[in-house]
């Protein structure tokens, strides 16, 4: 009997080990805000610090620097949303579970994220809007097409972006977190730990389905 018990215990331990060893990788597409003048722009270092902190949280982060001279127009932003959607669909085609994919964007990146969600059109893919929804229209956003698990995080002092309440269609899994940092719209590009953790921890939890 003892040898049999030992075999069963070993099997249980092995199953647990395999479960840990083959845990699904969480993929994050991080889209920064507008107006990067070039590689020497001070905001570049801020975003690179933020990306590294997101990687340190265990996420596989896709990050691409976009400069204002060729990437911030409406047509370019819409094209970039299509590019992100193609990359997400490519991951899905390779067998990645939609629950393991998150697209997160700040400011212009938030607008692009909203457009990309409609193009991806998968209710299980995660989206995070850093700063929330724009108060004034810029690039065309068809809110009726938004689909997925959408987390909006905004600051009460933001005068450019606000609540997404009432904008998203029925059937979208939606949550909004309101912060009171006092930093307003700039909060989401500040690399200081005390500011970064205000939104990073909710974002990481969202990628994990929490």
C-alpha atoms as a PDB file:
ATOM      1  CA  UNK A   1       0.000   0.000   0.000  1.00  0.00           C
ATOM      2  CA  UNK A   2       2.816   2.413   0.874  1.00  0.00           C
ATOM      3  CA  UNK A   3       4.416   2.174  -2.598  1.00  0.00           C
ATOM      4  CA  UNK A   4       1.015   2.916  -4.159  1.00  0.00           C
ATOM      5  CA  UNK A   5       0.545   5.972  -1.923  1.00  0.00           C
ATOM      6  CA  UNK A   6       4.019   7.158  -2.863  1.00  0.00           C
ATOM      7  CA  UNK A   7       3.200   6.849  -6.562  1.00  0.00           C
ATOM      8  CA  UNK A   8      -0.041   8.819  -6.133  1.00  0.00           C
ATOM      9  CA  UNK A   9       1.690  11.577  -4.171  1.00  0.00           C
ATOM     10  CA  UNK A  10       4.447  11.787  -6.795  1.00  0.00           C
ATOM     11  CA  UNK A  11       1.869  12.037  -9.557  1.00  0.00           C
ATOM     12  CA  UNK A  12       0.051  14.869  -7.772  1.00  0.00           C
ATOM     13  CA  UNK A  13       3.305  16.748  -7.245  1.00  0.00           C
ATOM     14  CA  UNK A  14       4.244  16.264 -10.904  1.00  0.00           C
ATOM     15  CA  UNK A  15       0.863  17.569 -12.081  1.00  0.00           C
ATOM     16  CA  UNK A  16       1.277  20.619  -9.851  1.00  0.00           C
ATOM     17  CA  UNK A  17       4.779  21.193 -11.193  1.00  0.00           C
ATOM     18  CA  UNK A  18       3.622  20.961 -14.808  1.00  0.00           C
ATOM     19  CA  UNK A  19       0.804  23.391 -14.101  1.00  0.00           C
ATOM     20  CA  UNK A  20       3.271  25.946 -12.789  1.00  0.00           C
ATOM     21  CA  UNK A  21       5.896  25.318 -15.419  1.00  0.00           C
ATOM     22  CA  UNK A  22       3.440  25.721 -18.285  1.00  0.00           C
ATOM     23  CA  UNK A  23       1.471  28.686 -16.977  1.00  0.00           C
ATOM     24  CA  UNK A  24       0.166  30.765 -19.860  1.00  0.00           C
ATOM     25  CA  UNK A  25       2.257  33.795 -20.779  1.00  0.00           C
ATOM     26  CA  UNK A  26       0.456  37.127 -20.507  1.00  0.00           C
ATOM     27  CA  UNK A  27       0.950  39.384 -23.530  1.00  0.00           C
ATOM     28  CA  UNK A  28       0.576  43.168 -23.247  1.00  0.00           C
ATOM     29  CA  UNK A  29       0.546  45.675 -26.093  1.00  0.00           C
ATOM     30  CA  UNK A  30       1.449  49.038 -24.535  1.00  0.00           C
ATOM     31  CA  UNK A  31       0.598  52.142 -26.612  1.00  0.00           C
ATOM     32  CA  UNK A  32       2.068  55.438 -25.439  1.00  0.00           C
ATOM     33  CA  UNK A  33       0.655  58.938 -25.818  1.00  0.00           C
ATOM     34  CA  UNK A  34       1.180  61.553 -28.493  1.00  0.00           C
ATOM     35  CA  UNK A  35       3.758  64.126 -29.313  1.00  0.00           C
ATOM     36  CA  UNK A  36       7.077  62.294 -29.108  1.00  0.00           C
ATOM     37  CA  UNK A  37       9.430  64.632 -30.991  1.00  0.00           C
ATOM     38  CA  UNK A  38      12.198  62.084 -31.455  1.00  0.00           C
ATOM     39  CA  UNK A  39      14.392  59.560 -29.676  1.00  0.00           C
ATOM     40  CA  UNK A  40      15.889  62.320 -27.512  1.00  0.00           C
ATOM     41  CA  UNK A  41      12.518  63.513 -26.234  1.00  0.00           C
ATOM     42  CA  UNK A  42      12.511  63.270 -22.393  1.00  0.00           C
ATOM     43  CA  UNK A  43       9.190  61.398 -22.547  1.00  0.00           C
ATOM     44  CA  UNK A  44      10.933  58.484 -24.272  1.00  0.00           C
ATOM     45  CA  UNK A  45      12.884  57.633 -21.115  1.00  0.00           C
ATOM     46  CA  UNK A  46       9.696  57.896 -19.054  1.00  0.00           C
ATOM     47  CA  UNK A  47       7.879  55.435 -21.293  1.00  0.00           C
ATOM     48  CA  UNK A  48      10.855  53.060 -21.405  1.00  0.00           C
ATOM     49  CA  UNK A  49      10.940  53.041 -17.594  1.00  0.00           C
ATOM     50  CA  UNK A  50       7.214  52.292 -17.490  1.00  0.00           C
ATOM     51  CA  UNK A  51       7.606  49.457 -20.016  1.00  0.00           C
ATOM     52  CA  UNK A  52      10.416  47.919 -17.976  1.00  0.00           C
ATOM     53  CA  UNK A  53       8.272  48.038 -14.825  1.00  0.00           C
ATOM     54  CA  UNK A  54       5.478  46.292 -16.700  1.00  0.00           C
ATOM     55  CA  UNK A  55       7.947  43.626 -17.841  1.00  0.00           C
ATOM     56  CA  UNK A  56       9.129  43.259 -14.253  1.00  0.00           C
ATOM     57  CA  UNK A  57       5.529  42.356 -13.371  1.00  0.00           C
ATOM     58  CA  UNK A  58       5.877  39.241 -15.530  1.00  0.00           C
ATOM     59  CA  UNK A  59       4.209  40.530 -18.685  1.00  0.00           C
ATOM     60  CA  UNK A  60       5.489  39.965 -22.210  1.00  0.00           C
ATOM     61  CA  UNK A  61       5.304  43.579 -23.379  1.00  0.00           C
ATOM     62  CA  UNK A  62       5.053  44.689 -27.006  1.00  0.00           C
ATOM     63  CA  UNK A  63       6.174  48.333 -27.240  1.00  0.00           C
ATOM     64  CA  UNK A  64       6.873  50.467 -30.284  1.00  0.00           C
ATOM     65  CA  UNK A  65       8.014  54.093 -30.179  1.00  0.00           C
ATOM     66  CA  UNK A  66       5.980  56.375 -32.435  1.00  0.00           C
ATOM     67  CA  UNK A  67       7.185  59.872 -33.297  1.00  0.00           C
ATOM     68  CA  UNK A  68       4.788  62.772 -33.770  1.00  0.00           C
ATOM     69  CA  UNK A  69       6.007  63.813 -37.215  1.00  0.00           C
ATOM     70  CA  UNK A  70       4.795  60.623 -38.898  1.00  0.00           C
ATOM     71  CA  UNK A  71       2.474  58.878 -36.445  1.00  0.00           C
ATOM     72  CA  UNK A  72       0.102  61.313 -34.702  1.00  0.00           C
ATOM     73  CA  UNK A  73      -2.295  62.239 -37.497  1.00  0.00           C
ATOM     74  CA  UNK A  74      -5.799  60.758 -37.556  1.00  0.00           C
ATOM     75  CA  UNK A  75      -5.089  58.533 -40.561  1.00  0.00           C
ATOM     76  CA  UNK A  76      -1.828  57.274 -39.049  1.00  0.00           C
ATOM     77  CA  UNK A  77      -3.504  56.552 -35.708  1.00  0.00           C
ATOM     78  CA  UNK A  78      -6.268  54.572 -37.415  1.00  0.00           C
ATOM     79  CA  UNK A  79      -3.667  52.644 -39.400  1.00  0.00           C
ATOM     80  CA  UNK A  80      -1.780  51.881 -36.211  1.00  0.00           C
ATOM     81  CA  UNK A  81      -4.971  50.548 -34.607  1.00  0.00           C
ATOM     82  CA  UNK A  82      -5.309  48.187 -37.578  1.00  0.00           C
ATOM     83  CA  UNK A  83      -1.678  47.133 -37.146  1.00  0.00           C
ATOM     84  CA  UNK A  84      -2.225  46.304 -33.469  1.00  0.00           C
ATOM     85  CA  UNK A  85      -5.384  44.388 -34.354  1.00  0.00           C
ATOM     86  CA  UNK A  86      -3.436  42.357 -36.928  1.00  0.00           C
ATOM     87  CA  UNK A  87      -0.763  41.519 -34.343  1.00  0.00           C
ATOM     88  CA  UNK A  88      -3.390  40.403 -31.846  1.00  0.00           C
ATOM     89  CA  UNK A  89      -5.131  38.261 -34.451  1.00  0.00           C
ATOM     90  CA  UNK A  90      -1.755  36.734 -35.305  1.00  0.00           C
ATOM     91  CA  UNK A  91      -1.284  35.696 -31.666  1.00  0.00           C
ATOM     92  CA  UNK A  92      -4.784  34.236 -31.610  1.00  0.00           C
ATOM     93  CA  UNK A  93      -4.117  32.294 -34.823  1.00  0.00           C
ATOM     94  CA  UNK A  94      -0.995  30.804 -33.236  1.00  0.00           C
ATOM     95  CA  UNK A  95      -3.072  29.446 -30.357  1.00  0.00           C
ATOM     96  CA  UNK A  96      -2.753  32.156 -27.719  1.00  0.00           C
ATOM     97  CA  UNK A  97      -5.878  32.310 -25.576  1.00  0.00           C
ATOM     98  CA  UNK A  98      -7.690  35.669 -25.883  1.00  0.00           C
ATOM     99  CA  UNK A  99      -7.729  35.931 -22.083  1.00  0.00           C
ATOM    100  CA  UNK A 100      -3.923  36.094 -22.193  1.00  0.00           C
ATOM    101  CA  UNK A 101      -3.833  39.171 -24.449  1.00  0.00           C
ATOM    102  CA  UNK A 102      -4.200  42.774 -23.259  1.00  0.00           C
ATOM    103  CA  UNK A 103      -4.047  46.008 -25.234  1.00  0.00           C
ATOM    104  CA  UNK A 104      -3.418  49.085 -23.067  1.00  0.00           C
ATOM    105  CA  UNK A 105      -3.030  52.667 -24.203  1.00  0.00           C
ATOM    106  CA  UNK A 106      -2.496  56.102 -22.706  1.00  0.00           C
ATOM    107  CA  UNK A 107      -3.927  59.339 -24.152  1.00  0.00           C
ATOM    108  CA  UNK A 108      -3.698  58.959 -27.951  1.00  0.00           C
ATOM    109  CA  UNK A 109      -2.856  55.341 -27.183  1.00  0.00           C
ATOM    110  CA  UNK A 110      -6.183  55.035 -25.359  1.00  0.00           C
ATOM    111  CA  UNK A 111      -8.024  56.270 -28.440  1.00  0.00           C
ATOM    112  CA  UNK A 112      -6.123  53.798 -30.600  1.00  0.00           C
ATOM    113  CA  UNK A 113      -6.955  51.031 -28.122  1.00  0.00           C
ATOM    114  CA  UNK A 114     -10.672  51.793 -28.432  1.00  0.00           C
ATOM    115  CA  UNK A 115     -10.491  51.560 -32.225  1.00  0.00           C
ATOM    116  CA  UNK A 116      -8.400  48.372 -32.072  1.00  0.00           C
ATOM    117  CA  UNK A 117     -10.949  46.709 -29.780  1.00  0.00           C
ATOM    118  CA  UNK A 118     -13.606  47.105 -32.449  1.00  0.00           C
ATOM    119  CA  UNK A 119     -11.317  45.681 -35.123  1.00  0.00           C
ATOM    120  CA  UNK A 120     -10.280  42.708 -32.982  1.00  0.00           C
ATOM    121  CA  UNK A 121     -13.921  42.119 -31.990  1.00  0.00           C
ATOM    122  CA  UNK A 122     -13.159  39.391 -29.467  1.00  0.00           C
ATOM    123  CA  UNK A 123     -15.147  39.550 -26.201  1.00  0.00           C
ATOM    124  CA  UNK A 124     -12.411  37.788 -24.221  1.00  0.00           C
ATOM    125  CA  UNK A 125      -9.443  40.018 -25.118  1.00  0.00           C
ATOM    126  CA  UNK A 126      -8.522  42.542 -22.399  1.00  0.00           C
ATOM    127  CA  UNK A 127      -8.274  46.305 -22.943  1.00  0.00           C
ATOM    128  CA  UNK A 128      -7.062  49.018 -20.560  1.00  0.00           C
ATOM    129  CA  UNK A 129      -7.749  52.705 -21.187  1.00  0.00           C
ATOM    130  CA  UNK A 130      -5.183  54.746 -19.276  1.00  0.00           C
ATOM    131  CA  UNK A 131      -6.823  58.149 -18.691  1.00  0.00           C
ATOM    132  CA  UNK A 132     -10.247  56.846 -19.735  1.00  0.00           C
ATOM    133  CA  UNK A 133     -12.206  58.113 -22.747  1.00  0.00           C
ATOM    134  CA  UNK A 134     -11.465  61.390 -24.583  1.00  0.00           C
ATOM    135  CA  UNK A 135     -13.651  64.382 -23.780  1.00  0.00           C
ATOM    136  CA  UNK A 136     -13.251  65.806 -27.290  1.00  0.00           C
ATOM    137  CA  UNK A 137     -13.386  63.792 -30.527  1.00  0.00           C
ATOM    138  CA  UNK A 138     -10.189  63.434 -32.526  1.00  0.00           C
ATOM    139  CA  UNK A 139      -9.660  60.185 -34.393  1.00  0.00           C
ATOM    140  CA  UNK A 140     -12.979  58.563 -35.343  1.00  0.00           C
ATOM    141  CA  UNK A 141     -14.073  56.180 -32.580  1.00  0.00           C
ATOM    142  CA  UNK A 142     -17.177  54.057 -33.124  1.00  0.00           C
ATOM    143  CA  UNK A 143     -18.023  53.154 -29.551  1.00  0.00           C
ATOM    144  CA  UNK A 144     -20.802  50.830 -30.742  1.00  0.00           C
ATOM    145  CA  UNK A 145     -18.131  48.461 -32.090  1.00  0.00           C
ATOM    146  CA  UNK A 146     -16.053  48.268 -28.910  1.00  0.00           C
ATOM    147  CA  UNK A 147     -15.804  44.689 -27.701  1.00  0.00           C
ATOM    148  CA  UNK A 148     -13.832  42.873 -25.006  1.00  0.00           C
ATOM    149  CA  UNK A 149     -13.039  43.243 -21.312  1.00  0.00           C
ATOM    150  CA  UNK A 150     -12.515  46.976 -20.854  1.00  0.00           C
ATOM    151  CA  UNK A 151     -10.885  48.590 -17.825  1.00  0.00           C
ATOM    152  CA  UNK A 152     -10.876  52.389 -17.704  1.00  0.00           C
ATOM    153  CA  UNK A 153      -8.532  54.121 -15.249  1.00  0.00           C
ATOM    154  CA  UNK A 154      -8.757  57.905 -14.974  1.00  0.00           C
ATOM    155  CA  UNK A 155      -7.750  60.747 -12.688  1.00  0.00           C
ATOM    156  CA  UNK A 156     -10.257  63.273 -11.350  1.00  0.00           C
ATOM    157  CA  UNK A 157      -8.013  66.212 -12.296  1.00  0.00           C
ATOM    158  CA  UNK A 158      -7.757  65.189 -15.961  1.00  0.00           C
ATOM    159  CA  UNK A 159      -9.154  67.917 -18.215  1.00  0.00           C
ATOM    160  CA  UNK A 160      -8.606  65.973 -21.461  1.00  0.00           C
ATOM    161  CA  UNK A 161     -10.063  62.541 -20.722  1.00  0.00           C
ATOM    162  CA  UNK A 162     -12.972  61.466 -18.543  1.00  0.00           C
ATOM    163  CA  UNK A 163     -15.377  58.679 -17.747  1.00  0.00           C
ATOM    164  CA  UNK A 164     -16.328  55.983 -20.231  1.00  0.00           C
ATOM    165  CA  UNK A 165     -19.672  55.454 -18.474  1.00  0.00           C
ATOM    166  CA  UNK A 166     -22.522  55.230 -20.956  1.00  0.00           C
ATOM    167  CA  UNK A 167     -20.264  55.126 -24.000  1.00  0.00           C
ATOM    168  CA  UNK A 168     -19.654  51.409 -24.369  1.00  0.00           C
ATOM    169  CA  UNK A 169     -22.225  49.009 -25.818  1.00  0.00           C
ATOM    170  CA  UNK A 170     -24.164  46.436 -23.852  1.00  0.00           C
ATOM    171  CA  UNK A 171     -22.370  43.126 -23.433  1.00  0.00           C
ATOM    172  CA  UNK A 172     -18.949  44.657 -22.855  1.00  0.00           C
ATOM    173  CA  UNK A 173     -17.342  43.647 -19.568  1.00  0.00           C
ATOM    174  CA  UNK A 174     -16.515  47.053 -18.124  1.00  0.00           C
ATOM    175  CA  UNK A 175     -14.966  48.513 -14.996  1.00  0.00           C
ATOM    176  CA  UNK A 176     -13.776  52.030 -14.223  1.00  0.00           C
ATOM    177  CA  UNK A 177     -11.301  53.072 -11.546  1.00  0.00           C
ATOM    178  CA  UNK A 178     -11.159  56.734 -10.514  1.00  0.00           C
ATOM    179  CA  UNK A 179      -7.876  57.999  -9.049  1.00  0.00           C
ATOM    180  CA  UNK A 180      -7.249  61.177  -7.050  1.00  0.00           C
ATOM    181  CA  UNK A 181      -3.499  61.626  -7.514  1.00  0.00           C
ATOM    182  CA  UNK A 182      -3.813  65.322  -8.298  1.00  0.00           C
ATOM    183  CA  UNK A 183      -1.570  64.864 -11.355  1.00  0.00           C
ATOM    184  CA  UNK A 184      -4.392  64.781 -13.871  1.00  0.00           C
ATOM    185  CA  UNK A 185      -3.698  63.605 -17.402  1.00  0.00           C
ATOM    186  CA  UNK A 186       0.080  63.450 -16.873  1.00  0.00           C
ATOM    187  CA  UNK A 187      -0.260  60.789 -14.167  1.00  0.00           C
ATOM    188  CA  UNK A 188      -0.022  57.913 -16.621  1.00  0.00           C
ATOM    189  CA  UNK A 189       3.382  58.852 -17.982  1.00  0.00           C
ATOM    190  CA  UNK A 190       5.074  59.558 -14.635  1.00  0.00           C
ATOM    191  CA  UNK A 191       7.583  56.756 -13.930  1.00  0.00           C
ATOM    192  CA  UNK A 192       7.819  57.441 -10.177  1.00  0.00           C
ATOM    193  CA  UNK A 193       6.828  54.348  -8.241  1.00  0.00           C
ATOM    194  CA  UNK A 194       4.220  56.124  -6.101  1.00  0.00           C
ATOM    195  CA  UNK A 195       2.358  57.230  -9.225  1.00  0.00           C
ATOM    196  CA  UNK A 196       3.046  54.222 -11.431  1.00  0.00           C
ATOM    197  CA  UNK A 197       1.685  51.709  -8.931  1.00  0.00           C
ATOM    198  CA  UNK A 198      -1.646  53.540  -8.766  1.00  0.00           C
ATOM    199  CA  UNK A 199      -2.542  52.191 -12.200  1.00  0.00           C
ATOM    200  CA  UNK A 200       0.005  49.422 -12.819  1.00  0.00           C
ATOM    201  CA  UNK A 201      -1.360  47.097 -10.163  1.00  0.00           C
ATOM    202  CA  UNK A 202      -4.987  47.325 -11.419  1.00  0.00           C
ATOM    203  CA  UNK A 203      -3.703  46.819 -14.972  1.00  0.00           C
ATOM    204  CA  UNK A 204      -1.755  43.680 -14.038  1.00  0.00           C
ATOM    205  CA  UNK A 205      -4.774  42.332 -12.167  1.00  0.00           C
ATOM    206  CA  UNK A 206      -6.931  42.943 -15.242  1.00  0.00           C
ATOM    207  CA  UNK A 207      -4.517  40.957 -17.438  1.00  0.00           C
ATOM    208  CA  UNK A 208      -5.013  38.083 -15.004  1.00  0.00           C
ATOM    209  CA  UNK A 209      -8.787  38.226 -15.269  1.00  0.00           C
ATOM    210  CA  UNK A 210      -9.305  39.750 -11.824  1.00  0.00           C
END
